[in-house]
C-alpha atoms as a PDB file:
ATOM      1  CA  MET A   1     122.643  88.608  98.133  1.00  0.00           C
ATOM      2  CA  ALA A   2     120.064  89.235  95.396  1.00  0.00           C
ATOM      3  CA  ASP A   3     119.780  92.762  94.037  1.00  0.00           C
ATOM      4  CA  PRO A   4     117.059  94.469  96.161  1.00  0.00           C
ATOM      5  CA  LEU A   5     116.152  96.737  93.238  1.00  0.00           C
ATOM      6  CA  HIS A   6     115.557  93.886  90.794  1.00  0.00           C
ATOM      7  CA  GLN A   7     111.969  93.567  92.083  1.00  0.00           C
ATOM      8  CA  PHE A   8     111.146  96.962  90.542  1.00  0.00           C
ATOM      9  CA  GLN A   9     112.279  96.060  87.033  1.00  0.00           C
ATOM     10  CA  ILE A  10     109.527  96.394  84.434  1.00  0.00           C
ATOM     11  CA  GLU A  11     109.457  93.459  82.033  1.00  0.00           C
ATOM     12  CA  PRO A  12     107.316  93.205  78.870  1.00  0.00           C
ATOM     13  CA  LEU A  13     104.926  90.264  78.881  1.00  0.00           C
ATOM     14  CA  LEU A  14     103.273  91.006  75.548  1.00  0.00           C
ATOM     15  CA  PRO A  15     105.486  93.132  73.264  1.00  0.00           C
ATOM     16  CA  ILE A  16     103.450  95.720  71.350  1.00  0.00           C
ATOM     17  CA  SER A  17     104.890  98.441  69.115  1.00  0.00           C
ATOM     18  CA  VAL A  18     102.740 101.017  67.342  1.00  0.00           C
ATOM     19  CA  GLY A  19     104.498 103.483  65.049  1.00  0.00           C
ATOM     20  CA  GLY A  20     107.778 102.961  66.859  1.00  0.00           C
ATOM     21  CA  THR A  21     106.156 103.588  70.233  1.00  0.00           C
ATOM     22  CA  ASN A  22     106.532 100.860  72.835  1.00  0.00           C
ATOM     23  CA  LEU A  23     103.055  99.992  74.125  1.00  0.00           C
ATOM     24  CA  SER A  24     103.948  96.584  75.531  1.00  0.00           C
ATOM     25  CA  PHE A  25     101.787  94.899  78.156  1.00  0.00           C
ATOM     26  CA  THR A  26     104.159  94.616  81.113  1.00  0.00           C
ATOM     27  CA  ASN A  27     104.227  93.046  84.550  1.00  0.00           C
ATOM     28  CA  SER A  28     103.204  96.462  85.888  1.00  0.00           C
ATOM     29  CA  SER A  29     100.191  96.493  83.566  1.00  0.00           C
ATOM     30  CA  LEU A  30      99.285  92.965  84.631  1.00  0.00           C
ATOM     31  CA  TRP A  31      99.222  93.832  88.318  1.00  0.00           C
ATOM     32  CA  MET A  32      97.203  96.965  87.632  1.00  0.00           C
ATOM     33  CA  VAL A  33      94.605  94.781  85.919  1.00  0.00           C
ATOM     34  CA  ILE A  34      94.721  92.365  88.859  1.00  0.00           C
ATOM     35  CA  ALA A  35      94.263  95.262  91.300  1.00  0.00           C
ATOM     36  CA  VAL A  36      91.245  96.548  89.378  1.00  0.00           C
ATOM     37  CA  GLY A  37      89.810  93.030  89.190  1.00  0.00           C
ATOM     38  CA  CYS A  38      90.297  92.401  92.920  1.00  0.00           C
ATOM     39  CA  ALA A  39      88.750  95.765  93.805  1.00  0.00           C
ATOM     40  CA  TYR A  40      85.758  95.063  91.564  1.00  0.00           C
ATOM     41  CA  LEU A  41      85.228  91.574  92.956  1.00  0.00           C
ATOM     42  CA  LEU A  42      85.562  92.811  96.536  1.00  0.00           C
ATOM     43  CA  VAL A  43      82.995  95.582  96.117  1.00  0.00           C
ATOM     44  CA  MET A  44      80.572  93.472  94.066  1.00  0.00           C
ATOM     45  CA  ALA A  45      80.792  90.506  96.444  1.00  0.00           C
ATOM     46  CA  GLY A  46      80.432  92.750  99.480  1.00  0.00           C
ATOM     47  CA  THR A  47      77.334  94.525  98.172  1.00  0.00           C
ATOM     48  CA  ARG A  48      75.639  91.576  96.448  1.00  0.00           C
ATOM     49  CA  GLN A  49      73.356  90.502  99.295  1.00  0.00           C
ATOM     50  CA  ARG A  50      72.895  93.814 101.158  1.00  0.00           C
ATOM     51  CA  ALA A  51      71.804  92.033 104.321  1.00  0.00           C
ATOM     52  CA  MET A  52      70.404  93.969 107.271  1.00  0.00           C
ATOM     53  CA  VAL A  53      72.904  92.106 109.445  1.00  0.00           C
ATOM     54  CA  PRO A  54      76.056  92.291 107.300  1.00  0.00           C
ATOM     55  CA  GLY A  55      78.593  89.538 107.115  1.00  0.00           C
ATOM     56  CA  ARG A  56      82.338  90.067 107.298  1.00  0.00           C
ATOM     57  CA  LEU A  57      82.792  90.875 103.614  1.00  0.00           C
ATOM     58  CA  GLN A  58      79.861  93.265 103.482  1.00  0.00           C
ATOM     59  CA  SER A  59      81.042  94.912 106.698  1.00  0.00           C
ATOM     60  CA  ALA A  60      84.532  95.416 105.227  1.00  0.00           C
ATOM     61  CA  VAL A  61      83.144  97.051 102.072  1.00  0.00           C
ATOM     62  CA  GLU A  62      80.720  99.236 104.018  1.00  0.00           C
ATOM     63  CA  LEU A  63      83.540 100.246 106.358  1.00  0.00           C
ATOM     64  CA  MET A  64      85.705 101.325 103.426  1.00  0.00           C
ATOM     65  CA  TYR A  65      82.753 103.147 101.885  1.00  0.00           C
ATOM     66  CA  GLU A  66      81.979 105.085 105.049  1.00  0.00           C
ATOM     67  CA  PHE A  67      85.673 105.704 105.708  1.00  0.00           C
ATOM     68  CA  VAL A  68      86.229 107.408 102.347  1.00  0.00           C
ATOM     69  CA  ALA A  69      82.857 109.161 102.486  1.00  0.00           C
ATOM     70  CA  GLY A  70      83.782 110.572 105.892  1.00  0.00           C
ATOM     71  CA  ILE A  71      87.100 111.876 104.607  1.00  0.00           C
ATOM     72  CA  LEU A  72      85.452 113.540 101.624  1.00  0.00           C
ATOM     73  CA  ARG A  73      82.556 114.950 103.660  1.00  0.00           C
ATOM     74  CA  ASP A  74      84.850 116.413 106.314  1.00  0.00           C
ATOM     75  CA  ALA A  75      87.127 117.988 103.720  1.00  0.00           C
ATOM     76  CA  THR A  76      84.611 119.347 101.208  1.00  0.00           C
ATOM     77  CA  GLY A  77      81.181 119.251 102.826  1.00  0.00           C
ATOM     78  CA  LYS A  78      78.064 117.964 101.092  1.00  0.00           C
ATOM     79  CA  GLU A  79      79.008 119.776  97.890  1.00  0.00           C
ATOM     80  CA  GLY A  80      81.962 117.469  97.332  1.00  0.00           C
ATOM     81  CA  MET A  81      79.992 114.220  97.708  1.00  0.00           C
ATOM     82  CA  ARG A  82      79.137 114.257  94.017  1.00  0.00           C
ATOM     83  CA  PHE A  83      82.796 113.380  93.412  1.00  0.00           C
ATOM     84  CA  PHE A  84      82.713 110.408  95.792  1.00  0.00           C
ATOM     85  CA  PRO A  85      82.920 107.713  93.045  1.00  0.00           C
ATOM     86  CA  ILE A  86      86.243 108.971  91.704  1.00  0.00           C
ATOM     87  CA  VAL A  87      87.702 109.544  95.186  1.00  0.00           C
ATOM     88  CA  PHE A  88      86.663 106.065  96.311  1.00  0.00           C
ATOM     89  CA  THR A  89      88.134 104.599  93.106  1.00  0.00           C
ATOM     90  CA  ILE A  90      91.462 106.320  93.755  1.00  0.00           C
ATOM     91  CA  PHE A  91      91.562 105.047  97.342  1.00  0.00           C
ATOM     92  CA  ILE A  92      90.734 101.421  96.610  1.00  0.00           C
ATOM     93  CA  PHE A  93      93.003 101.255  93.539  1.00  0.00           C
ATOM     94  CA  ILE A  94      96.039 102.505  95.466  1.00  0.00           C
ATOM     95  CA  LEU A  95      95.163 100.351  98.475  1.00  0.00           C
ATOM     96  CA  MET A  96      94.846  97.226  96.328  1.00  0.00           C
ATOM     97  CA  GLY A  97      98.090  98.005  94.517  1.00  0.00           C
ATOM     98  CA  ASN A  98      99.931  98.486  97.807  1.00  0.00           C
ATOM     99  CA  MET A  99      98.473  95.380  99.456  1.00  0.00           C
ATOM    100  CA  LEU A 100      98.980  93.102  96.444  1.00  0.00           C
ATOM    101  CA  GLY A 101     102.596  94.271  96.371  1.00  0.00           C
ATOM    102  CA  MET A 102     103.079  92.592  99.757  1.00  0.00           C
ATOM    103  CA  ILE A 103     102.535  89.162  98.184  1.00  0.00           C
ATOM    104  CA  PRO A 104     105.905  87.449  97.538  1.00  0.00           C
ATOM    105  CA  GLY A 105     106.642  87.497  93.818  1.00  0.00           C
ATOM    106  CA  ALA A 106     104.078  90.215  93.106  1.00  0.00           C
ATOM    107  CA  PHE A 107     104.892  93.519  91.431  1.00  0.00           C
ATOM    108  CA  THR A 108     104.230  96.770  93.304  1.00  0.00           C
ATOM    109  CA  PHE A 109     103.240  99.200  90.568  1.00  0.00           C
ATOM    110  CA  THR A 110     102.824 102.037  93.094  1.00  0.00           C
ATOM    111  CA  SER A 111     106.591 101.907  93.645  1.00  0.00           C
ATOM    112  CA  HIS A 112     107.137 103.472  90.192  1.00  0.00           C
ATOM    113  CA  ILE A 113     107.118 107.254  89.869  1.00  0.00           C
ATOM    114  CA  ILE A 114     105.565 107.107  86.392  1.00  0.00           C
ATOM    115  CA  VAL A 115     102.476 105.384  87.825  1.00  0.00           C
ATOM    116  CA  THR A 116     102.075 107.602  90.870  1.00  0.00           C
ATOM    117  CA  PHE A 117     102.764 110.752  88.841  1.00  0.00           C
ATOM    118  CA  ALA A 118     100.143 109.751  86.253  1.00  0.00           C
ATOM    119  CA  MET A 119      97.563 109.425  89.035  1.00  0.00           C
ATOM    120  CA  ALA A 120      98.681 112.669  90.678  1.00  0.00           C
ATOM    121  CA  ILE A 121      98.631 114.677  87.442  1.00  0.00           C
ATOM    122  CA  ALA A 122      95.156 113.286  86.662  1.00  0.00           C
ATOM    123  CA  VAL A 123      93.947 114.484  90.075  1.00  0.00           C
ATOM    124  CA  TRP A 124      95.624 117.877  89.620  1.00  0.00           C
ATOM    125  CA  VAL A 125      94.184 118.449  86.137  1.00  0.00           C
ATOM    126  CA  GLY A 126      90.751 117.250  87.233  1.00  0.00           C
ATOM    127  CA  VAL A 127      90.712 119.512  90.289  1.00  0.00           C
ATOM    128  CA  THR A 128      91.827 122.499  88.197  1.00  0.00           C
ATOM    129  CA  ILE A 129      89.039 121.865  85.684  1.00  0.00           C
ATOM    130  CA  ILE A 130      86.536 121.608  88.536  1.00  0.00           C
ATOM    131  CA  GLY A 131      87.806 124.925  89.933  1.00  0.00           C
ATOM    132  CA  PHE A 132      87.226 126.742  86.644  1.00  0.00           C
ATOM    133  CA  TRP A 133      83.925 124.916  86.173  1.00  0.00           C
ATOM    134  CA  TYR A 134      82.629 126.179  89.529  1.00  0.00           C
ATOM    135  CA  HIS A 135      84.087 129.687  89.503  1.00  0.00           C
ATOM    136  CA  GLY A 136      85.106 130.504  85.947  1.00  0.00           C
ATOM    137  CA  ALA A 137      87.894 133.062  85.635  1.00  0.00           C
ATOM    138  CA  HIS A 138      87.304 134.005  89.283  1.00  0.00           C
ATOM    139  CA  PHE A 139      89.190 130.826  90.209  1.00  0.00           C
ATOM    140  CA  LEU A 140      92.392 132.744  89.410  1.00  0.00           C
ATOM    141  CA  HIS A 141      91.788 134.693  92.634  1.00  0.00           C
ATOM    142  CA  PHE A 142      92.778 131.486  94.425  1.00  0.00           C
ATOM    143  CA  PHE A 143      96.388 132.483  93.760  1.00  0.00           C
ATOM    144  CA  VAL A 144      95.944 135.871  95.420  1.00  0.00           C
ATOM    145  CA  PRO A 145      96.483 135.572  99.207  1.00  0.00           C
ATOM    146  CA  THR A 146      93.656 137.154 101.188  1.00  0.00           C
ATOM    147  CA  GLY A 147      94.651 140.338 102.972  1.00  0.00           C
ATOM    148  CA  ALA A 148      98.059 140.561 101.322  1.00  0.00           C
ATOM    149  CA  PRO A 149      99.339 144.080 100.547  1.00  0.00           C
ATOM    150  CA  LYS A 150      98.998 144.933  96.864  1.00  0.00           C
ATOM    151  CA  ALA A 151     102.671 145.834  96.694  1.00  0.00           C
ATOM    152  CA  MET A 152     103.545 142.237  97.619  1.00  0.00           C
ATOM    153  CA  LEU A 153     101.286 140.580  95.026  1.00  0.00           C
ATOM    154  CA  PRO A 154     103.928 140.495  92.226  1.00  0.00           C
ATOM    155  CA  LEU A 155     106.034 138.361  94.569  1.00  0.00           C
ATOM    156  CA  LEU A 156     103.304 136.308  96.278  1.00  0.00           C
ATOM    157  CA  VAL A 157     101.222 135.357  93.234  1.00  0.00           C
ATOM    158  CA  PRO A 158     104.097 133.558  91.412  1.00  0.00           C
ATOM    159  CA  ILE A 159     104.907 131.731  94.644  1.00  0.00           C
ATOM    160  CA  GLU A 160     101.271 130.613  94.997  1.00  0.00           C
ATOM    161  CA  ILE A 161     101.184 129.464  91.370  1.00  0.00           C
ATOM    162  CA  MET A 162     104.447 127.557  91.788  1.00  0.00           C
ATOM    163  CA  SER A 163     103.146 125.944  94.969  1.00  0.00           C
ATOM    164  CA  TYR A 164      99.981 124.887  93.147  1.00  0.00           C
ATOM    165  CA  CYS A 165     101.940 123.434  90.225  1.00  0.00           C
ATOM    166  CA  VAL A 166     104.209 121.439  92.556  1.00  0.00           C
ATOM    167  CA  ARG A 167     101.228 119.564  94.023  1.00  0.00           C
ATOM    168  CA  PRO A 168     101.317 116.592  91.610  1.00  0.00           C
ATOM    169  CA  ILE A 169     105.060 116.181  92.202  1.00  0.00           C
ATOM    170  CA  SER A 170     104.783 116.087  95.990  1.00  0.00           C
ATOM    171  CA  LEU A 171     101.691 113.871  95.797  1.00  0.00           C
ATOM    172  CA  SER A 172     103.362 111.312  93.542  1.00  0.00           C
ATOM    173  CA  VAL A 173     106.832 111.317  95.123  1.00  0.00           C
ATOM    174  CA  ARG A 174     105.410 110.671  98.609  1.00  0.00           C
ATOM    175  CA  LEU A 175     103.666 107.457  97.529  1.00  0.00           C
ATOM    176  CA  PHE A 176     106.455 106.269  95.245  1.00  0.00           C
ATOM    177  CA  CYS A 177     109.264 106.822  97.776  1.00  0.00           C
ATOM    178  CA  ASN A 178     107.483 105.147 100.676  1.00  0.00           C
ATOM    179  CA  MET A 179     106.578 102.026  98.724  1.00  0.00           C
ATOM    180  CA  MET A 180     109.968 101.700  97.042  1.00  0.00           C
ATOM    181  CA  ALA A 181     111.964 102.295 100.226  1.00  0.00           C
ATOM    182  CA  GLY A 182     109.894  99.866 102.267  1.00  0.00           C
ATOM    183  CA  HIS A 183     110.133  97.021  99.758  1.00  0.00           C
ATOM    184  CA  THR A 184     113.861  97.615  99.336  1.00  0.00           C
ATOM    185  CA  MET A 185     114.422  97.331 103.092  1.00  0.00           C
ATOM    186  CA  LEU A 186     112.392  94.118 103.203  1.00  0.00           C
ATOM    187  CA  LYS A 187     114.492  92.596 100.425  1.00  0.00           C
ATOM    188  CA  VAL A 188     117.755  93.620 102.090  1.00  0.00           C
ATOM    189  CA  PHE A 189     116.882  92.117 105.484  1.00  0.00           C
ATOM    190  CA  ALA A 190     115.445  89.003 103.833  1.00  0.00           C
ATOM    191  CA  GLY A 191     118.806  88.605 102.122  1.00  0.00           C
ATOM    192  CA  PHE A 192     120.535  88.845 105.503  1.00  0.00           C
ATOM    193  CA  ILE A 193     118.365  85.977 106.770  1.00  0.00           C
ATOM    194  CA  ILE A 194     119.550  83.714 103.967  1.00  0.00           C
ATOM    195  CA  SER A 195     123.201  84.789 103.983  1.00  0.00           C
ATOM    196  CA  LEU A 196     123.614  84.611 107.771  1.00  0.00           C
ATOM    197  CA  GLY A 197     121.260  81.754 108.519  1.00  0.00           C
ATOM    198  CA  ALA A 198     122.909  79.498 105.941  1.00  0.00           C
ATOM    199  CA  TYR A 199     125.998  79.220 108.160  1.00  0.00           C
ATOM    200  CA  TYR A 200     124.843  80.068 111.674  1.00  0.00           C
ATOM    201  CA  VAL A 201     121.276  79.811 112.948  1.00  0.00           C
ATOM    202  CA  ILE A 202     121.522  82.348 115.767  1.00  0.00           C
ATOM    203  CA  PRO A 203     122.836  85.303 113.670  1.00  0.00           C
ATOM    204  CA  GLY A 204     119.956  84.754 111.258  1.00  0.00           C
ATOM    205  CA  ILE A 205     117.358  85.254 114.012  1.00  0.00           C
ATOM    206  CA  ALA A 206     117.932  89.012 114.300  1.00  0.00           C
ATOM    207  CA  PRO A 207     117.268  89.869 110.622  1.00  0.00           C
ATOM    208  CA  LEU A 208     114.321  87.446 110.680  1.00  0.00           C
ATOM    209  CA  ALA A 209     112.777  89.292 113.628  1.00  0.00           C
ATOM    210  CA  ILE A 210     113.413  92.661 111.946  1.00  0.00           C
ATOM    211  CA  THR A 211     111.849  91.400 108.721  1.00  0.00           C
ATOM    212  CA  VAL A 212     108.697  90.284 110.544  1.00  0.00           C
ATOM    213  CA  VAL A 213     108.395  93.711 112.153  1.00  0.00           C
ATOM    214  CA  LEU A 214     109.022  95.422 108.800  1.00  0.00           C
ATOM    215  CA  ILE A 215     106.296  93.350 107.142  1.00  0.00           C
ATOM    216  CA  GLY A 216     103.784  94.529 109.727  1.00  0.00           C
ATOM    217  CA  PHE A 217     105.056  98.088 109.313  1.00  0.00           C
ATOM    218  CA  GLU A 218     104.753  97.838 105.513  1.00  0.00           C
ATOM    219  CA  PHE A 219     101.116  96.747 105.762  1.00  0.00           C
ATOM    220  CA  ALA A 220     100.479  99.837 107.869  1.00  0.00           C
ATOM    221  CA  VAL A 221     102.347 102.045 105.382  1.00  0.00           C
ATOM    222  CA  ALA A 222     100.417 100.493 102.474  1.00  0.00           C
ATOM    223  CA  PHE A 223      97.135 101.603 104.048  1.00  0.00           C
ATOM    224  CA  LEU A 224      98.508 104.920 105.289  1.00  0.00           C
ATOM    225  CA  GLN A 225      99.788 105.967 101.860  1.00  0.00           C
ATOM    226  CA  ALA A 226      96.427 105.227 100.241  1.00  0.00           C
ATOM    227  CA  TYR A 227      94.809 107.267 103.014  1.00  0.00           C
ATOM    228  CA  ILE A 228      97.207 110.213 102.601  1.00  0.00           C
ATOM    229  CA  PHE A 229      96.771 110.283  98.815  1.00  0.00           C
ATOM    230  CA  THR A 230      92.988 110.309  99.301  1.00  0.00           C
ATOM    231  CA  VAL A 231      93.051 113.009 101.989  1.00  0.00           C
ATOM    232  CA  LEU A 232      95.209 115.304  99.869  1.00  0.00           C
ATOM    233  CA  THR A 233      92.937 114.707  96.877  1.00  0.00           C
ATOM    234  CA  CYS A 234      89.966 115.774  99.015  1.00  0.00           C
ATOM    235  CA  ILE A 235      91.824 118.857 100.251  1.00  0.00           C
ATOM    236  CA  TYR A 236      92.671 119.883  96.684  1.00  0.00           C
ATOM    237  CA  LEU A 237      89.039 119.277  95.725  1.00  0.00           C
ATOM    238  CA  ASN A 238      87.908 121.502  98.580  1.00  0.00           C
ATOM    239  CA  ASP A 239      90.203 124.272  97.309  1.00  0.00           C
ATOM    240  CA  ALA A 240      88.623 123.984  93.864  1.00  0.00           C
ATOM    241  CA  ILE A 241      85.052 124.060  95.213  1.00  0.00           C
ATOM    242  CA  HIS A 242      85.326 126.593  98.027  1.00  0.00           C
ATOM    243  CA  MET A 243      88.573 128.424  97.111  1.00  0.00           C
ATOM    244  CA  HIS A 244      89.990 128.373 100.657  1.00  0.00           C
END
C-alpha cells in the first residue's frame, strides 16, 4: 500500500535560494496560484454579464457573495461590511484550496499547518490592529471581564490575554487537522480497494463503498472548514469593532 502521507510532501518545482534562504517555488505554491486563478476566473466570469435573470454561473457567484455578506453582517452589523472584500477573499481562497485538493493528483495546501497558521496569524494581527484603530488604548479593556471583582483581575486578565493569543493556533489547527485527516483516510481506504480487489472482487467492494461515502463527506468538510474559518474571522472582527 502506498504511503498515505506521501501526498502531503512539499516538492520544489523551481529551486530558488536567496542569501542561503530557501525560497523555492513548490507544488504548494503552484496550487495556491491555481486556487487564486480559479477564484478570479469564477468571480470575473460570474459577474461579467450581470443579467437581470442570472445564469448558473452568475447565480453561483451571487450566492457565495450573499452567503459571506450575510455571515459578516450577522456577526458585525453594518459597521463590519467595510471589511467584506478581505473576508470574502479568505472564504473563497480556502474554499478553492479545499475543493481543488479533492482532484486526484492535486496538492491540498490547506493540509499544511504553515499555510493555515500564516492565514490565521494574518487575521489575528489584522483584527488586533483594527481594534486599536477603532478604540485606541481603550481596546485593552477587552481583556478585562465585565463585572469581575477587582481582586480577581490579576488572575482573569492574564487568562483573557492568553485566550486571545491562542486564537491563531486554534484557528489554524482546526483547518489543517480536518483536511489532513480526511485526505489520509481517503488514501488508506483507496489502498484497501487495490490491495483487496486485486485478488478477490467481493472484499474490495466494502472499501470502495466506504471511499465513495468519504469522498462525499470530504466535499462537505471542505466547504464546512472554509465556512468555520470565515465565521470565526467575523466573530474576531466583531470583538475588535464592538469589544463584546
